[in-house]
C-alpha cells in the first residue's frame, strides 16, 4: 500500500511513551456516537460482535498473505467480512491516501477490532542495563511510513498489539506490539525508553 509497502515488525516487550514532535491526529469524519450503552441485542451487541469478527478474521490469516499482500487488503477484507464499512465507503482510495475506516476515536477509547492508520510513524526503544562490571545498551527502531493495522488488544501505557501484514515488505499476517506514547521506565537495574514520532489515526468501524 502507499509508497510501496510499510516497514517492519516488533517484539512484545514492555510498554512506553510521546514526544513533542508526535501528532496523534484524529481525522475526519466527525466522530459519531461510539458508546455501547444499549442492552441486549442492540447497538452494543452488534458492534461487539462486529469487532469480534474483524479480529477473528485477522487471527485466522496468521502466517498467510491476504490478497495482494498489502496492509490495506488485510484490513479491507477483515472489515468487509464483518459487514463493516471500509475505506472506500468514506471516499476515493488512492495509493498514498490517509485512509478513513470509520468513526474517529482516541487512544484512551481504543478497543479490539478498531483500525489504526499510520503516517511516518517511528518508535525507538533503548534499554540500558546496569551490571556489576559494565553497562549494556540495546537499541531497536521500527517504522510504519504508510500503513494500516487492526487492533488485537490494548495493553496499557500506550502499548497496543495489532494484526498486520506487509511489515516488513512481503511479510505475512502477524501479531505485533506497537507503542503510541513516549515514556521512560526503570525496573531494577534496567531502564527502558520508548520514543514515538509521526502521525496516527484511530478508527472504530461502522456497520454497513
Protein backbone atom coordinates (compact mmCIF):
# COMPACT_ATOMS: atom_id res chain seq x y z
CA UNK A 1 0.00 0.00 0.00
CA UNK A 2 1.03 3.56 -0.34
CA UNK A 3 4.54 4.27 -1.48
CA UNK A 4 5.09 0.66 -1.56
CA UNK A 5 4.94 -1.26 1.46
CA UNK A 6 5.08 -0.33 5.06
CA UNK A 7 8.05 -1.32 7.18
CA UNK A 8 8.93 -3.79 9.86
CA UNK A 9 7.52 -5.70 12.84
CA UNK A 10 8.28 -5.61 16.54
CA UNK A 11 8.55 -7.67 19.69
CA UNK A 12 6.37 -7.80 22.75
CA UNK A 13 8.49 -6.13 25.40
CA UNK A 14 7.48 -3.53 27.96
CA UNK A 15 5.14 -0.63 27.07
CA UNK A 16 6.18 3.06 26.87
CA UNK A 17 5.87 6.93 25.54
CA UNK A 18 5.23 10.53 23.12
CA UNK A 19 7.46 13.44 22.49
CA UNK A 20 6.71 16.98 21.44
CA UNK A 21 7.18 16.08 17.80
CA UNK A 22 4.40 13.50 17.77
CA UNK A 23 0.91 14.17 16.47
CA UNK A 24 -1.75 11.67 17.40
CA UNK A 25 -4.32 13.04 14.99
CA UNK A 26 -7.91 12.03 14.81
CA UNK A 27 -9.04 12.63 11.25
CA UNK A 28 -12.39 13.09 9.56
CA UNK A 29 -15.13 12.11 9.53
CA UNK A 30 -16.55 13.84 12.58
CA UNK A 31 -16.81 11.17 15.27
CA UNK A 32 -20.24 9.63 15.52
CA UNK A 33 -21.75 8.02 18.60
CA UNK A 34 -19.40 5.30 19.77
CA UNK A 35 -20.82 4.48 23.17
CA UNK A 36 -22.00 0.94 23.60
CA UNK A 37 -24.60 1.63 26.22
CA UNK A 38 -27.59 -0.24 24.83
CA UNK A 39 -28.56 -3.59 26.28
CA UNK A 40 -29.32 -6.97 24.83
CA UNK A 41 -29.07 -7.33 21.09
CA UNK A 42 -28.99 -3.62 20.25
CA UNK A 43 -26.07 -1.45 19.19
CA UNK A 44 -23.81 -2.87 21.90
CA UNK A 45 -24.33 -6.42 20.74
CA UNK A 46 -23.97 -5.67 17.04
CA UNK A 47 -20.82 -3.56 17.46
CA UNK A 48 -19.23 -6.06 19.82
CA UNK A 49 -19.89 -8.99 17.52
CA UNK A 50 -18.66 -6.99 14.52
CA UNK A 51 -15.40 -6.17 16.32
CA UNK A 52 -15.01 -9.84 17.27
CA UNK A 53 -15.47 -10.86 13.65
CA UNK A 54 -12.86 -8.35 12.48
CA UNK A 55 -10.26 -9.63 14.96
CA UNK A 56 -11.17 -13.26 14.27
CA UNK A 57 -10.71 -12.78 10.53
CA UNK A 58 -7.20 -11.39 11.04
CA UNK A 59 -6.32 -14.15 13.50
CA UNK A 60 -7.36 -16.85 11.03
CA UNK A 61 -4.98 -15.41 8.43
CA UNK A 62 -1.93 -15.57 10.69
CA UNK A 63 1.10 -16.73 8.73
CA UNK A 64 -0.69 -16.22 5.39
CA UNK A 65 -0.66 -13.42 2.83
CA UNK A 66 -4.12 -11.99 2.18
CA UNK A 67 -4.86 -11.00 -1.40
CA UNK A 68 -2.06 -8.92 -2.92
CA UNK A 69 -0.20 -8.91 0.41
CA UNK A 70 -0.68 -5.20 1.09
CA UNK A 71 -1.61 -3.97 4.57
CA UNK A 72 -4.71 -2.25 3.17
CA UNK A 73 -6.02 -5.54 1.78
CA UNK A 74 -5.95 -7.36 5.12
CA UNK A 75 -7.92 -4.59 6.84
CA UNK A 76 -10.33 -4.08 3.94
CA UNK A 77 -11.21 -7.78 3.76
CA UNK A 78 -11.50 -8.13 7.54
CA UNK A 79 -13.99 -5.25 7.73
CA UNK A 80 -16.00 -6.42 4.74
CA UNK A 81 -16.18 -9.96 6.11
CA UNK A 82 -17.67 -8.49 9.30
CA UNK A 83 -20.22 -6.41 7.36
CA UNK A 84 -18.45 -3.18 8.33
CA UNK A 85 -17.85 -0.18 6.10
CA UNK A 86 -14.35 0.06 4.66
CA UNK A 87 -12.15 2.91 3.46
CA UNK A 88 -13.84 3.01 0.05
CA UNK A 89 -17.10 3.90 1.79
CA UNK A 90 -15.53 7.14 3.07
CA UNK A 91 -14.02 8.46 -0.15
CA UNK A 92 -11.68 7.72 -3.02
CA UNK A 93 -8.87 5.29 -2.26
CA UNK A 94 -5.54 6.31 -3.79
CA UNK A 95 -2.13 4.70 -3.20
CA UNK A 96 -0.89 7.40 -0.82
CA UNK A 97 -4.11 8.46 0.92
CA UNK A 98 -4.58 8.65 4.69
CA UNK A 99 -7.48 6.24 4.70
CA UNK A 100 -10.55 6.67 6.89
CA UNK A 101 -12.00 3.48 8.39
CA UNK A 102 -14.98 4.63 10.48
CA UNK A 103 -15.63 6.98 13.39
CA UNK A 104 -12.56 8.63 14.88
CA UNK A 105 -11.69 7.61 18.44
CA UNK A 106 -8.85 8.42 20.83
CA UNK A 107 -6.12 6.17 22.19
CA UNK A 108 -7.97 6.16 25.52
CA UNK A 109 -11.09 4.77 23.79
CA UNK A 110 -9.31 2.25 21.57
CA UNK A 111 -10.68 -1.32 21.55
CA UNK A 112 -10.03 -4.63 19.79
CA UNK A 113 -11.39 -4.51 16.24
CA UNK A 114 -10.55 -0.83 15.77
CA UNK A 115 -8.22 0.25 12.95
CA UNK A 116 -5.03 2.33 13.09
CA UNK A 117 -3.85 4.36 10.11
CA UNK A 118 -0.17 5.40 10.17
CA UNK A 119 1.79 8.18 8.50
CA UNK A 120 5.57 8.48 9.03
CA UNK A 121 5.31 6.61 12.34
CA UNK A 122 8.51 5.60 14.13
CA UNK A 123 9.16 4.09 17.51
CA UNK A 124 12.63 3.77 19.04
CA UNK A 125 13.39 1.66 22.08
CA UNK A 126 16.55 1.91 24.15
CA UNK A 127 17.19 -0.49 27.03
CA UNK A 128 20.06 0.31 29.39
CA UNK A 129 21.08 -2.44 31.83
CA UNK A 130 23.46 -1.63 34.67
CA UNK A 131 25.59 -4.66 35.56
CA UNK A 132 28.12 -5.14 38.33
CA UNK A 133 31.04 -4.58 35.98
CA UNK A 134 29.57 -2.75 32.98
CA UNK A 135 26.53 -1.06 31.47
CA UNK A 136 24.98 -2.52 28.32
CA UNK A 137 22.72 -0.70 25.86
CA UNK A 138 20.29 -2.36 23.46
CA UNK A 139 18.62 -0.21 20.77
CA UNK A 140 15.79 -1.08 18.42
CA UNK A 141 13.75 1.00 15.97
CA UNK A 142 10.65 0.31 13.88
CA UNK A 143 8.66 2.40 11.44
CA UNK A 144 5.34 2.36 9.62
CA UNK A 145 5.63 5.05 6.95
CA UNK A 146 2.23 4.45 5.31
CA UNK A 147 0.43 1.58 6.92
CA UNK A 148 -2.83 0.18 8.29
CA UNK A 149 -3.39 -2.34 11.10
CA UNK A 150 -6.19 -3.91 13.16
CA UNK A 151 -6.20 -3.64 16.96
CA UNK A 152 -5.91 -7.04 18.65
CA UNK A 153 -5.58 -5.76 22.22
CA UNK A 154 -4.96 -2.53 24.14
CA UNK A 155 -2.14 -3.32 26.55
CA UNK A 156 -1.89 -0.12 28.62
CA UNK A 157 0.74 2.61 28.94
CA UNK A 158 0.42 3.41 25.25
CA UNK A 159 1.12 -0.14 24.05
CA UNK A 160 -1.22 -1.75 21.51
CA UNK A 161 -0.97 -5.19 19.93
CA UNK A 162 -2.09 -5.24 16.29
CA UNK A 163 -2.69 -7.61 13.41
CA UNK A 164 -0.89 -6.50 10.23
CA UNK A 165 0.68 -7.74 7.03
CA UNK A 166 3.42 -6.46 4.72
CA UNK A 167 5.55 -5.28 7.62
CA UNK A 168 8.35 -5.72 6.70
CA UNK A 169 7.79 -5.76 2.95
CA UNK A 170 6.23 -9.01 1.81
CA UNK A 171 5.59 -10.29 5.34
CA UNK A 172 2.57 -12.48 6.05
CA UNK A 173 -0.09 -11.64 8.64
CA UNK A 174 1.47 -11.35 12.06
CA UNK A 175 0.65 -10.06 15.54
CA UNK A 176 2.89 -7.22 16.73
CA UNK A 177 3.07 -4.84 19.69
CA UNK A 178 3.50 -1.15 18.88
CA UNK A 179 3.73 1.93 21.10
CA UNK A 180 1.82 5.20 20.91
CA UNK A 181 3.13 7.19 23.88
CA UNK A 182 6.73 8.01 24.78
CA UNK A 183 7.96 7.10 28.22
CA UNK A 184 10.95 6.08 30.31
CA UNK A 185 10.60 3.41 33.00
CA UNK A 186 13.07 1.77 35.35
CA UNK A 187 12.67 -1.72 36.76
CA UNK A 188 15.52 -2.96 38.89
CA UNK A 189 18.75 -2.35 37.03
CA UNK A 190 17.04 -1.91 33.65
CA UNK A 191 15.82 1.40 32.19
CA UNK A 192 13.68 1.31 29.06
CA UNK A 193 12.96 4.39 26.98
CA UNK A 194 10.41 4.46 24.18
CA UNK A 195 10.19 7.43 21.81
CA UNK A 196 7.31 7.71 19.37
CA UNK A 197 7.14 10.06 16.39
CA UNK A 198 4.81 10.57 13.47
CA UNK A 199 1.06 10.71 12.95
CA UNK A 200 -1.58 8.06 13.51
CA UNK A 201 -5.35 7.93 13.41
CA UNK A 202 -7.63 5.59 15.38
CA UNK A 203 -10.97 4.50 13.90
CA UNK A 204 -13.95 2.46 15.04
CA UNK A 205 -15.51 0.57 12.09
CA UNK A 206 -19.19 1.24 11.42
CA UNK A 207 -21.77 -1.34 10.30
CA UNK A 208 -22.94 -1.35 6.70
